[in-house]
């Protein structure tokens, strides 16, 4: 039996576009005895049209926990001049994770370029001339920056989520630095290459003084929602594989 009290009016709900594999945002407008009324789902591509009798995947967050369910579209109605979609009460709701983004432990090689060094440098990571050069490069188009920076640095990705990753390197990257990341990941059946920007939001000291390995929390920057959904989908693929081992 589902907990109907977790559906609340004026709370956000998202609808999956099965073709583009991205979610469109909406609002729960009414919680009725026979159905749930939501606003027109909207995204960067415009509005998502829902048609009667089709089944859609929905997700929402309640008490910092993310839920997924499938439900049929029952039709449309108007509240004043505002169009609403009616969806049926779901038979089952899946509670997927406690955090906004599930963090998946892994061990994949990662390549990265430093686009910008933070002004808040705690060590003499670069001399002033080299740091000035990096800032000047940052004003050029991204493709030109990568080409001019030469071969990438290499590190290890210790975990990843839809919002960021943990980067392990042989030296410390200052907090606030901007990186261009190339993530090469693979499951049993497919390989994926993700390329995106990130910002170092935390930089830690080595856990072992004999082995100088520095850990960094990197938050994804300016990430397209379709790319984020692709990363999350692949994380779930890897998670399912690990469970079946």
C-alpha atoms as a PDB file:
ATOM      1  CA  UNK A   1       0.000   0.000   0.000  1.00  0.00           C
ATOM      2  CA  UNK A   2       1.416   3.370  -0.985  1.00  0.00           C
ATOM      3  CA  UNK A   3       1.732   6.334   1.355  1.00  0.00           C
ATOM      4  CA  UNK A   4      -0.564   8.921  -0.190  1.00  0.00           C
ATOM      5  CA  UNK A   5       0.466  11.545   2.364  1.00  0.00           C
ATOM      6  CA  UNK A   6       3.858  11.968   0.659  1.00  0.00           C
ATOM      7  CA  UNK A   7       2.091  13.682  -2.263  1.00  0.00           C
ATOM      8  CA  UNK A   8       1.583  17.317  -1.356  1.00  0.00           C
ATOM      9  CA  UNK A   9       0.195  20.278  -3.267  1.00  0.00           C
ATOM     10  CA  UNK A  10       2.678  22.895  -4.522  1.00  0.00           C
ATOM     11  CA  UNK A  11       5.553  20.400  -4.379  1.00  0.00           C
ATOM     12  CA  UNK A  12       7.757  19.772  -7.411  1.00  0.00           C
ATOM     13  CA  UNK A  13       7.337  16.623  -9.465  1.00  0.00           C
ATOM     14  CA  UNK A  14       9.243  15.624 -12.616  1.00  0.00           C
ATOM     15  CA  UNK A  15       8.121  13.691 -15.690  1.00  0.00           C
ATOM     16  CA  UNK A  16      10.472  11.575 -17.816  1.00  0.00           C
ATOM     17  CA  UNK A  17      10.632  12.066 -21.571  1.00  0.00           C
ATOM     18  CA  UNK A  18      11.257   8.478 -22.712  1.00  0.00           C
ATOM     19  CA  UNK A  19      12.747   9.592 -26.047  1.00  0.00           C
ATOM     20  CA  UNK A  20      15.232  12.237 -24.856  1.00  0.00           C
ATOM     21  CA  UNK A  21      15.791  10.497 -21.495  1.00  0.00           C
ATOM     22  CA  UNK A  22      15.512  13.751 -19.540  1.00  0.00           C
ATOM     23  CA  UNK A  23      13.070  14.960 -16.900  1.00  0.00           C
ATOM     24  CA  UNK A  24      10.688  17.891 -17.283  1.00  0.00           C
ATOM     25  CA  UNK A  25       9.692  19.888 -14.189  1.00  0.00           C
ATOM     26  CA  UNK A  26       6.136  20.333 -12.970  1.00  0.00           C
ATOM     27  CA  UNK A  27       4.170  21.152  -9.797  1.00  0.00           C
ATOM     28  CA  UNK A  28       1.541  19.096  -7.982  1.00  0.00           C
ATOM     29  CA  UNK A  29      -1.523  21.345  -8.125  1.00  0.00           C
ATOM     30  CA  UNK A  30      -4.175  19.072  -6.625  1.00  0.00           C
ATOM     31  CA  UNK A  31      -4.208  15.837  -4.625  1.00  0.00           C
ATOM     32  CA  UNK A  32      -7.642  14.313  -5.233  1.00  0.00           C
ATOM     33  CA  UNK A  33      -9.336  11.094  -4.182  1.00  0.00           C
ATOM     34  CA  UNK A  34      -9.180   9.571  -7.671  1.00  0.00           C
ATOM     35  CA  UNK A  35      -6.174  11.302  -9.218  1.00  0.00           C
ATOM     36  CA  UNK A  36      -3.298  13.754  -8.906  1.00  0.00           C
ATOM     37  CA  UNK A  37      -3.388  16.962 -10.949  1.00  0.00           C
ATOM     38  CA  UNK A  38      -0.051  18.438 -12.088  1.00  0.00           C
ATOM     39  CA  UNK A  39       0.904  21.489 -14.098  1.00  0.00           C
ATOM     40  CA  UNK A  40       2.245  21.311 -17.655  1.00  0.00           C
ATOM     41  CA  UNK A  41       5.780  19.814 -17.488  1.00  0.00           C
ATOM     42  CA  UNK A  42       8.382  22.310 -18.721  1.00  0.00           C
ATOM     43  CA  UNK A  43      12.054  22.114 -19.707  1.00  0.00           C
ATOM     44  CA  UNK A  44      14.657  23.893 -21.807  1.00  0.00           C
ATOM     45  CA  UNK A  45      13.084  22.341 -24.904  1.00  0.00           C
ATOM     46  CA  UNK A  46       9.644  23.745 -24.045  1.00  0.00           C
ATOM     47  CA  UNK A  47       6.674  21.854 -22.683  1.00  0.00           C
ATOM     48  CA  UNK A  48       6.218  18.102 -22.577  1.00  0.00           C
ATOM     49  CA  UNK A  49       2.862  16.955 -23.956  1.00  0.00           C
ATOM     50  CA  UNK A  50       1.118  14.123 -22.127  1.00  0.00           C
ATOM     51  CA  UNK A  51      -1.599  12.070 -23.784  1.00  0.00           C
ATOM     52  CA  UNK A  52      -4.450  10.114 -22.246  1.00  0.00           C
ATOM     53  CA  UNK A  53      -3.942   6.391 -21.486  1.00  0.00           C
ATOM     54  CA  UNK A  54      -0.117   6.564 -21.883  1.00  0.00           C
ATOM     55  CA  UNK A  55       2.114   5.526 -19.007  1.00  0.00           C
ATOM     56  CA  UNK A  56       4.858   7.844 -17.778  1.00  0.00           C
ATOM     57  CA  UNK A  57       7.695   7.692 -15.242  1.00  0.00           C
ATOM     58  CA  UNK A  58       7.649  10.328 -12.493  1.00  0.00           C
ATOM     59  CA  UNK A  59      10.015  11.281  -9.689  1.00  0.00           C
ATOM     60  CA  UNK A  60       9.833  13.592  -6.686  1.00  0.00           C
ATOM     61  CA  UNK A  61      11.620  14.263  -3.398  1.00  0.00           C
ATOM     62  CA  UNK A  62      10.027  13.920   0.038  1.00  0.00           C
ATOM     63  CA  UNK A  63      11.994  14.398   3.282  1.00  0.00           C
ATOM     64  CA  UNK A  64      15.308  14.398   1.375  1.00  0.00           C
ATOM     65  CA  UNK A  65      14.492  11.031  -0.188  1.00  0.00           C
ATOM     66  CA  UNK A  66      13.936  10.521  -3.900  1.00  0.00           C
ATOM     67  CA  UNK A  67      10.970   8.474  -5.136  1.00  0.00           C
ATOM     68  CA  UNK A  68      10.109   7.045  -8.555  1.00  0.00           C
ATOM     69  CA  UNK A  69       6.816   5.665  -9.835  1.00  0.00           C
ATOM     70  CA  UNK A  70       4.956   4.888 -13.038  1.00  0.00           C
ATOM     71  CA  UNK A  71       1.430   6.090 -13.653  1.00  0.00           C
ATOM     72  CA  UNK A  72      -1.133   6.447 -16.412  1.00  0.00           C
ATOM     73  CA  UNK A  73      -2.186   9.823 -17.787  1.00  0.00           C
ATOM     74  CA  UNK A  74      -5.953  10.112 -17.382  1.00  0.00           C
ATOM     75  CA  UNK A  75      -6.525  13.304 -19.350  1.00  0.00           C
ATOM     76  CA  UNK A  76      -6.606  17.068 -18.919  1.00  0.00           C
ATOM     77  CA  UNK A  77      -8.679  19.680 -17.171  1.00  0.00           C
ATOM     78  CA  UNK A  78      -8.540  23.403 -16.455  1.00  0.00           C
ATOM     79  CA  UNK A  79      -8.303  25.161 -13.119  1.00  0.00           C
ATOM     80  CA  UNK A  80      -9.561  28.560 -14.166  1.00  0.00           C
ATOM     81  CA  UNK A  81      -7.391  29.196 -17.216  1.00  0.00           C
ATOM     82  CA  UNK A  82      -4.534  26.981 -16.062  1.00  0.00           C
ATOM     83  CA  UNK A  83      -4.281  23.624 -17.890  1.00  0.00           C
ATOM     84  CA  UNK A  84      -3.600  20.592 -15.715  1.00  0.00           C
ATOM     85  CA  UNK A  85      -2.803  16.962 -16.446  1.00  0.00           C
ATOM     86  CA  UNK A  86      -4.521  14.247 -14.431  1.00  0.00           C
ATOM     87  CA  UNK A  87      -2.503  11.173 -13.513  1.00  0.00           C
ATOM     88  CA  UNK A  88      -3.705   8.027 -11.762  1.00  0.00           C
ATOM     89  CA  UNK A  89      -2.634   7.055  -8.283  1.00  0.00           C
ATOM     90  CA  UNK A  90       0.360   4.725  -8.725  1.00  0.00           C
ATOM     91  CA  UNK A  91       0.209   1.100  -7.620  1.00  0.00           C
ATOM     92  CA  UNK A  92       3.828   1.168  -6.447  1.00  0.00           C
ATOM     93  CA  UNK A  93       6.417   3.782  -5.478  1.00  0.00           C
ATOM     94  CA  UNK A  94      10.131   3.032  -5.362  1.00  0.00           C
ATOM     95  CA  UNK A  95      12.323   4.716  -2.802  1.00  0.00           C
ATOM     96  CA  UNK A  96      15.698   4.954  -4.516  1.00  0.00           C
ATOM     97  CA  UNK A  97      18.114   6.942  -2.383  1.00  0.00           C
ATOM     98  CA  UNK A  98      18.509   9.075   0.720  1.00  0.00           C
ATOM     99  CA  UNK A  99      20.478  11.871  -0.974  1.00  0.00           C
ATOM    100  CA  UNK A 100      19.711  14.009  -3.992  1.00  0.00           C
ATOM    101  CA  UNK A 101      22.452  12.143  -5.899  1.00  0.00           C
ATOM    102  CA  UNK A 102      23.551   8.616  -5.062  1.00  0.00           C
ATOM    103  CA  UNK A 103      27.356   8.473  -4.776  1.00  0.00           C
ATOM    104  CA  UNK A 104      28.746   5.337  -6.405  1.00  0.00           C
ATOM    105  CA  UNK A 105      32.190   4.113  -5.226  1.00  0.00           C
ATOM    106  CA  UNK A 106      34.385   3.166  -8.180  1.00  0.00           C
ATOM    107  CA  UNK A 107      37.932   3.093  -9.469  1.00  0.00           C
ATOM    108  CA  UNK A 108      38.174   4.528 -12.974  1.00  0.00           C
ATOM    109  CA  UNK A 109      41.026   6.419 -14.551  1.00  0.00           C
ATOM    110  CA  UNK A 110      40.303  10.066 -15.273  1.00  0.00           C
ATOM    111  CA  UNK A 111      41.969  12.703 -17.431  1.00  0.00           C
ATOM    112  CA  UNK A 112      41.695  16.402 -16.679  1.00  0.00           C
ATOM    113  CA  UNK A 113      42.988  19.823 -17.643  1.00  0.00           C
ATOM    114  CA  UNK A 114      43.246  22.765 -15.233  1.00  0.00           C
ATOM    115  CA  UNK A 115      41.383  25.670 -16.833  1.00  0.00           C
ATOM    116  CA  UNK A 116      41.670  28.092 -13.937  1.00  0.00           C
ATOM    117  CA  UNK A 117      43.584  28.091 -10.671  1.00  0.00           C
ATOM    118  CA  UNK A 118      41.713  29.466  -7.678  1.00  0.00           C
ATOM    119  CA  UNK A 119      42.851  32.828  -6.282  1.00  0.00           C
ATOM    120  CA  UNK A 120      42.715  31.236  -2.861  1.00  0.00           C
ATOM    121  CA  UNK A 121      45.927  29.244  -3.325  1.00  0.00           C
ATOM    122  CA  UNK A 122      47.221  27.782  -0.084  1.00  0.00           C
ATOM    123  CA  UNK A 123      50.540  26.618  -1.534  1.00  0.00           C
ATOM    124  CA  UNK A 124      52.969  27.746  -4.213  1.00  0.00           C
ATOM    125  CA  UNK A 125      51.292  25.389  -6.641  1.00  0.00           C
ATOM    126  CA  UNK A 126      52.397  27.454  -9.625  1.00  0.00           C
ATOM    127  CA  UNK A 127      54.564  30.501  -9.811  1.00  0.00           C
ATOM    128  CA  UNK A 128      52.817  33.811 -10.542  1.00  0.00           C
ATOM    129  CA  UNK A 129      53.752  33.906 -14.225  1.00  0.00           C
ATOM    130  CA  UNK A 130      52.358  30.455 -14.888  1.00  0.00           C
ATOM    131  CA  UNK A 131      49.169  31.186 -12.949  1.00  0.00           C
ATOM    132  CA  UNK A 132      48.644  34.396 -14.953  1.00  0.00           C
ATOM    133  CA  UNK A 133      49.029  32.397 -18.139  1.00  0.00           C
ATOM    134  CA  UNK A 134      46.329  29.953 -17.068  1.00  0.00           C
ATOM    135  CA  UNK A 135      43.905  32.808 -16.334  1.00  0.00           C
ATOM    136  CA  UNK A 136      44.539  34.328 -19.741  1.00  0.00           C
ATOM    137  CA  UNK A 137      43.864  30.971 -21.376  1.00  0.00           C
ATOM    138  CA  UNK A 138      40.537  30.767 -19.536  1.00  0.00           C
ATOM    139  CA  UNK A 139      39.191  33.697 -21.548  1.00  0.00           C
ATOM    140  CA  UNK A 140      39.531  31.766 -24.825  1.00  0.00           C
ATOM    141  CA  UNK A 141      36.903  29.311 -26.197  1.00  0.00           C
ATOM    142  CA  UNK A 142      36.907  25.998 -24.348  1.00  0.00           C
ATOM    143  CA  UNK A 143      38.034  23.948 -27.352  1.00  0.00           C
ATOM    144  CA  UNK A 144      41.026  26.236 -27.904  1.00  0.00           C
ATOM    145  CA  UNK A 145      41.912  26.120 -24.205  1.00  0.00           C
ATOM    146  CA  UNK A 146      42.073  22.337 -24.189  1.00  0.00           C
ATOM    147  CA  UNK A 147      44.123  22.195 -27.359  1.00  0.00           C
ATOM    148  CA  UNK A 148      46.618  24.779 -26.122  1.00  0.00           C
ATOM    149  CA  UNK A 149      47.015  23.161 -22.690  1.00  0.00           C
ATOM    150  CA  UNK A 150      48.505  20.054 -24.221  1.00  0.00           C
ATOM    151  CA  UNK A 151      48.269  16.517 -22.845  1.00  0.00           C
ATOM    152  CA  UNK A 152      45.917  15.995 -19.890  1.00  0.00           C
ATOM    153  CA  UNK A 153      46.859  15.277 -16.307  1.00  0.00           C
ATOM    154  CA  UNK A 154      45.855  11.839 -15.050  1.00  0.00           C
ATOM    155  CA  UNK A 155      44.219  10.758 -11.843  1.00  0.00           C
ATOM    156  CA  UNK A 156      41.743   8.338 -10.332  1.00  0.00           C
ATOM    157  CA  UNK A 157      37.996   8.706  -9.888  1.00  0.00           C
ATOM    158  CA  UNK A 158      37.135   7.218  -6.471  1.00  0.00           C
ATOM    159  CA  UNK A 159      33.386   7.830  -6.638  1.00  0.00           C
ATOM    160  CA  UNK A 160      30.808   9.617  -8.813  1.00  0.00           C
ATOM    161  CA  UNK A 161      27.241  10.892  -8.630  1.00  0.00           C
ATOM    162  CA  UNK A 162      24.972  13.006 -10.783  1.00  0.00           C
ATOM    163  CA  UNK A 163      26.385  16.103  -9.097  1.00  0.00           C
ATOM    164  CA  UNK A 164      30.117  15.476  -8.992  1.00  0.00           C
ATOM    165  CA  UNK A 165      32.956  13.089  -8.246  1.00  0.00           C
ATOM    166  CA  UNK A 166      35.961  12.435  -6.031  1.00  0.00           C
ATOM    167  CA  UNK A 167      39.277  12.967  -7.796  1.00  0.00           C
ATOM    168  CA  UNK A 168      42.521  11.431  -6.467  1.00  0.00           C
ATOM    169  CA  UNK A 169      45.832  12.878  -7.705  1.00  0.00           C
ATOM    170  CA  UNK A 170      49.535  12.892  -6.874  1.00  0.00           C
ATOM    171  CA  UNK A 171      49.430  16.580  -5.949  1.00  0.00           C
ATOM    172  CA  UNK A 172      46.967  18.975  -4.392  1.00  0.00           C
ATOM    173  CA  UNK A 173      44.740  21.113  -6.620  1.00  0.00           C
ATOM    174  CA  UNK A 174      43.657  24.330  -4.853  1.00  0.00           C
ATOM    175  CA  UNK A 175      40.042  24.619  -3.758  1.00  0.00           C
ATOM    176  CA  UNK A 176      38.006  26.696  -6.226  1.00  0.00           C
ATOM    177  CA  UNK A 177      40.011  25.658  -9.303  1.00  0.00           C
ATOM    178  CA  UNK A 178      38.091  24.922 -12.522  1.00  0.00           C
ATOM    179  CA  UNK A 179      38.813  21.670 -14.367  1.00  0.00           C
ATOM    180  CA  UNK A 180      37.860  20.137 -17.673  1.00  0.00           C
ATOM    181  CA  UNK A 181      37.199  16.435 -17.082  1.00  0.00           C
ATOM    182  CA  UNK A 182      37.282  13.427 -19.371  1.00  0.00           C
ATOM    183  CA  UNK A 183      35.667  10.419 -17.684  1.00  0.00           C
ATOM    184  CA  UNK A 184      36.114   7.002 -19.241  1.00  0.00           C
ATOM    185  CA  UNK A 185      33.784   4.440 -17.634  1.00  0.00           C
ATOM    186  CA  UNK A 186      32.768   0.958 -18.611  1.00  0.00           C
ATOM    187  CA  UNK A 187      30.325  -1.754 -17.573  1.00  0.00           C
ATOM    188  CA  UNK A 188      30.217  -5.363 -18.689  1.00  0.00           C
ATOM    189  CA  UNK A 189      28.341  -4.463 -21.867  1.00  0.00           C
ATOM    190  CA  UNK A 190      29.124  -0.855 -22.739  1.00  0.00           C
ATOM    191  CA  UNK A 191      31.692   1.914 -22.498  1.00  0.00           C
ATOM    192  CA  UNK A 192      30.931   5.569 -21.873  1.00  0.00           C
ATOM    193  CA  UNK A 193      33.003   8.719 -22.282  1.00  0.00           C
ATOM    194  CA  UNK A 194      31.779  11.840 -20.483  1.00  0.00           C
ATOM    195  CA  UNK A 195      33.397  15.249 -20.966  1.00  0.00           C
ATOM    196  CA  UNK A 196      32.402  18.205 -18.781  1.00  0.00           C
ATOM    197  CA  UNK A 197      33.613  20.987 -16.504  1.00  0.00           C
ATOM    198  CA  UNK A 198      34.006  20.800 -12.746  1.00  0.00           C
ATOM    199  CA  UNK A 199      34.985  22.919  -9.763  1.00  0.00           C
ATOM    200  CA  UNK A 200      37.129  21.754  -6.838  1.00  0.00           C
ATOM    201  CA  UNK A 201      34.962  22.415  -3.760  1.00  0.00           C
ATOM    202  CA  UNK A 202      37.157  20.564  -1.263  1.00  0.00           C
ATOM    203  CA  UNK A 203      40.808  19.489  -1.202  1.00  0.00           C
ATOM    204  CA  UNK A 204      42.075  17.110   1.466  1.00  0.00           C
ATOM    205  CA  UNK A 205      45.459  16.064   2.817  1.00  0.00           C
ATOM    206  CA  UNK A 206      46.965  12.613   2.153  1.00  0.00           C
ATOM    207  CA  UNK A 207      45.648   9.837   4.395  1.00  0.00           C
ATOM    208  CA  UNK A 208      49.021   8.089   4.233  1.00  0.00           C
ATOM    209  CA  UNK A 209      52.194  10.139   4.634  1.00  0.00           C
ATOM    210  CA  UNK A 210      54.233   7.550   2.772  1.00  0.00           C
ATOM    211  CA  UNK A 211      51.902   7.523  -0.233  1.00  0.00           C
ATOM    212  CA  UNK A 212      51.160  11.103  -1.269  1.00  0.00           C
ATOM    213  CA  UNK A 213      47.660  10.829  -2.736  1.00  0.00           C
ATOM    214  CA  UNK A 214      45.433  13.888  -2.549  1.00  0.00           C
ATOM    215  CA  UNK A 215      41.636  13.650  -2.629  1.00  0.00           C
ATOM    216  CA  UNK A 216      39.385  16.356  -4.093  1.00  0.00           C
ATOM    217  CA  UNK A 217      35.621  16.806  -4.188  1.00  0.00           C
ATOM    218  CA  UNK A 218      34.692  18.110  -7.647  1.00  0.00           C
ATOM    219  CA  UNK A 219      31.266  19.584  -8.396  1.00  0.00           C
ATOM    220  CA  UNK A 220      30.034  19.488 -12.013  1.00  0.00           C
ATOM    221  CA  UNK A 221      29.623  22.913 -13.629  1.00  0.00           C
ATOM    222  CA  UNK A 222      27.230  24.042 -16.381  1.00  0.00           C
ATOM    223  CA  UNK A 223      26.152  20.439 -16.952  1.00  0.00           C
ATOM    224  CA  UNK A 224      23.350  19.785 -19.414  1.00  0.00           C
ATOM    225  CA  UNK A 225      20.478  17.894 -17.796  1.00  0.00           C
ATOM    226  CA  UNK A 226      20.524  15.291 -20.555  1.00  0.00           C
ATOM    227  CA  UNK A 227      24.189  14.595 -19.797  1.00  0.00           C
ATOM    228  CA  UNK A 228      23.473  14.424 -16.062  1.00  0.00           C
ATOM    229  CA  UNK A 229      20.673  11.916 -16.659  1.00  0.00           C
ATOM    230  CA  UNK A 230      23.013   9.842 -18.823  1.00  0.00           C
ATOM    231  CA  UNK A 231      25.587   9.759 -16.017  1.00  0.00           C
ATOM    232  CA  UNK A 232      22.945   8.780 -13.442  1.00  0.00           C
ATOM    233  CA  UNK A 233      21.573   6.074 -15.734  1.00  0.00           C
ATOM    234  CA  UNK A 234      25.049   4.587 -16.184  1.00  0.00           C
ATOM    235  CA  UNK A 235      25.662   4.704 -12.417  1.00  0.00           C
ATOM    236  CA  UNK A 236      22.526   2.600 -11.950  1.00  0.00           C
ATOM    237  CA  UNK A 237      23.805   0.159 -14.595  1.00  0.00           C
ATOM    238  CA  UNK A 238      27.051  -0.236 -12.653  1.00  0.00           C
ATOM    239  CA  UNK A 239      25.165  -0.554  -9.357  1.00  0.00           C
ATOM    240  CA  UNK A 240      22.977  -3.362 -10.688  1.00  0.00           C
ATOM    241  CA  UNK A 241      26.040  -5.198 -11.990  1.00  0.00           C
ATOM    242  CA  UNK A 242      27.708  -4.981  -8.586  1.00  0.00           C
ATOM    243  CA  UNK A 243      24.615  -6.323  -6.813  1.00  0.00           C
ATOM    244  CA  UNK A 244      24.462  -9.386  -9.104  1.00  0.00           C
ATOM    245  CA  UNK A 245      28.140 -10.321  -8.560  1.00  0.00           C
END
